[in-house]
Amino acid sequence: MIRENSIKKRAQMDPIDQLRLHLIEQLEEKEKVRSSWKNTKKFSRKRKVK
């Protein structure tokens, strides 16, 4: 649902705003991946200690 709204908004925006929104989304994806990777690393360390 959120994706559809962002696509509709993107169609009405200027090319520069479209690009900016795209870059922001990419950064958010990277952060998600990074945080999940950190979490898995922490959990694996805890298991090894036990």
C-alpha atoms as a PDB file:
ATOM      1  CA  MET A   1       0.000   0.000   0.000  1.00  0.00           C
ATOM      2  CA  ILE A   2       2.783   2.426   0.931  1.00  0.00           C
ATOM      3  CA  ARG A   3       4.690   1.474  -2.237  1.00  0.00           C
ATOM      4  CA  GLU A   4       1.703   2.270  -4.468  1.00  0.00           C
ATOM      5  CA  ASN A   5       1.302   5.704  -2.874  1.00  0.00           C
ATOM      6  CA  SER A   6       4.994   6.502  -3.314  1.00  0.00           C
ATOM      7  CA  ILE A   7       4.830   5.482  -6.995  1.00  0.00           C
ATOM      8  CA  LYS A   8       1.800   7.730  -7.544  1.00  0.00           C
ATOM      9  CA  LYS A   9       3.543  10.631  -5.811  1.00  0.00           C
ATOM     10  CA  ARG A  10       6.701   9.968  -7.811  1.00  0.00           C
ATOM     11  CA  ALA A  11       4.769  10.358 -11.068  1.00  0.00           C
ATOM     12  CA  GLN A  12       3.744  13.891 -10.004  1.00  0.00           C
ATOM     13  CA  MET A  13       7.183  14.950  -8.756  1.00  0.00           C
ATOM     14  CA  ASP A  14      10.101  16.647 -10.470  1.00  0.00           C
ATOM     15  CA  PRO A  15      12.898  14.385 -11.767  1.00  0.00           C
ATOM     16  CA  ILE A  16      15.250  15.673  -9.058  1.00  0.00           C
ATOM     17  CA  ASP A  17      12.775  14.802  -6.315  1.00  0.00           C
ATOM     18  CA  GLN A  18      12.256  11.375  -7.895  1.00  0.00           C
ATOM     19  CA  LEU A  19      15.994  10.736  -7.797  1.00  0.00           C
ATOM     20  CA  ARG A  20      16.268  11.944  -4.197  1.00  0.00           C
ATOM     21  CA  LEU A  21      13.418   9.680  -3.092  1.00  0.00           C
ATOM     22  CA  HIS A  22      15.043   6.755  -4.883  1.00  0.00           C
ATOM     23  CA  LEU A  23      18.391   7.365  -3.158  1.00  0.00           C
ATOM     24  CA  ILE A  24      16.723   7.667   0.248  1.00  0.00           C
ATOM     25  CA  GLU A  25      14.953   4.336  -0.309  1.00  0.00           C
ATOM     26  CA  GLN A  26      18.268   2.709  -1.267  1.00  0.00           C
ATOM     27  CA  LEU A  27      19.904   4.034   1.915  1.00  0.00           C
ATOM     28  CA  GLU A  28      17.050   2.711   4.043  1.00  0.00           C
ATOM     29  CA  GLU A  29      17.425  -0.733   2.439  1.00  0.00           C
ATOM     30  CA  LYS A  30      21.178  -0.709   3.185  1.00  0.00           C
ATOM     31  CA  GLU A  31      20.531   0.226   6.818  1.00  0.00           C
ATOM     32  CA  LYS A  32      18.014  -2.621   7.203  1.00  0.00           C
ATOM     33  CA  VAL A  33      20.510  -5.105   5.807  1.00  0.00           C
ATOM     34  CA  ARG A  34      23.320  -3.741   7.966  1.00  0.00           C
ATOM     35  CA  SER A  35      21.295  -3.821  11.197  1.00  0.00           C
ATOM     36  CA  SER A  36      20.038  -7.350  10.527  1.00  0.00           C
ATOM     37  CA  TRP A  37      23.605  -8.482   9.810  1.00  0.00           C
ATOM     38  CA  LYS A  38      24.813  -6.930  13.080  1.00  0.00           C
ATOM     39  CA  ASN A  39      22.016  -8.652  15.000  1.00  0.00           C
ATOM     40  CA  THR A  40      22.837 -12.070  13.561  1.00  0.00           C
ATOM     41  CA  LYS A  41      26.507 -11.531  14.379  1.00  0.00           C
ATOM     42  CA  LYS A  42      25.687 -10.636  18.000  1.00  0.00           C
ATOM     43  CA  PHE A  43      23.452 -13.679  18.403  1.00  0.00           C
ATOM     44  CA  SER A  44      26.044 -16.037  16.954  1.00  0.00           C
ATOM     45  CA  ARG A  45      28.663 -14.628  19.368  1.00  0.00           C
ATOM     46  CA  LYS A  46      26.377 -15.165  22.361  1.00  0.00           C
ATOM     47  CA  ARG A  47      25.811 -18.781  21.334  1.00  0.00           C
ATOM     48  CA  LYS A  48      29.551 -19.407  21.073  1.00  0.00           C
ATOM     49  CA  VAL A  49      30.159 -17.930  24.538  1.00  0.00           C
ATOM     50  CA  LYS A  50      27.550 -20.241  26.076  1.00  0.00           C
END
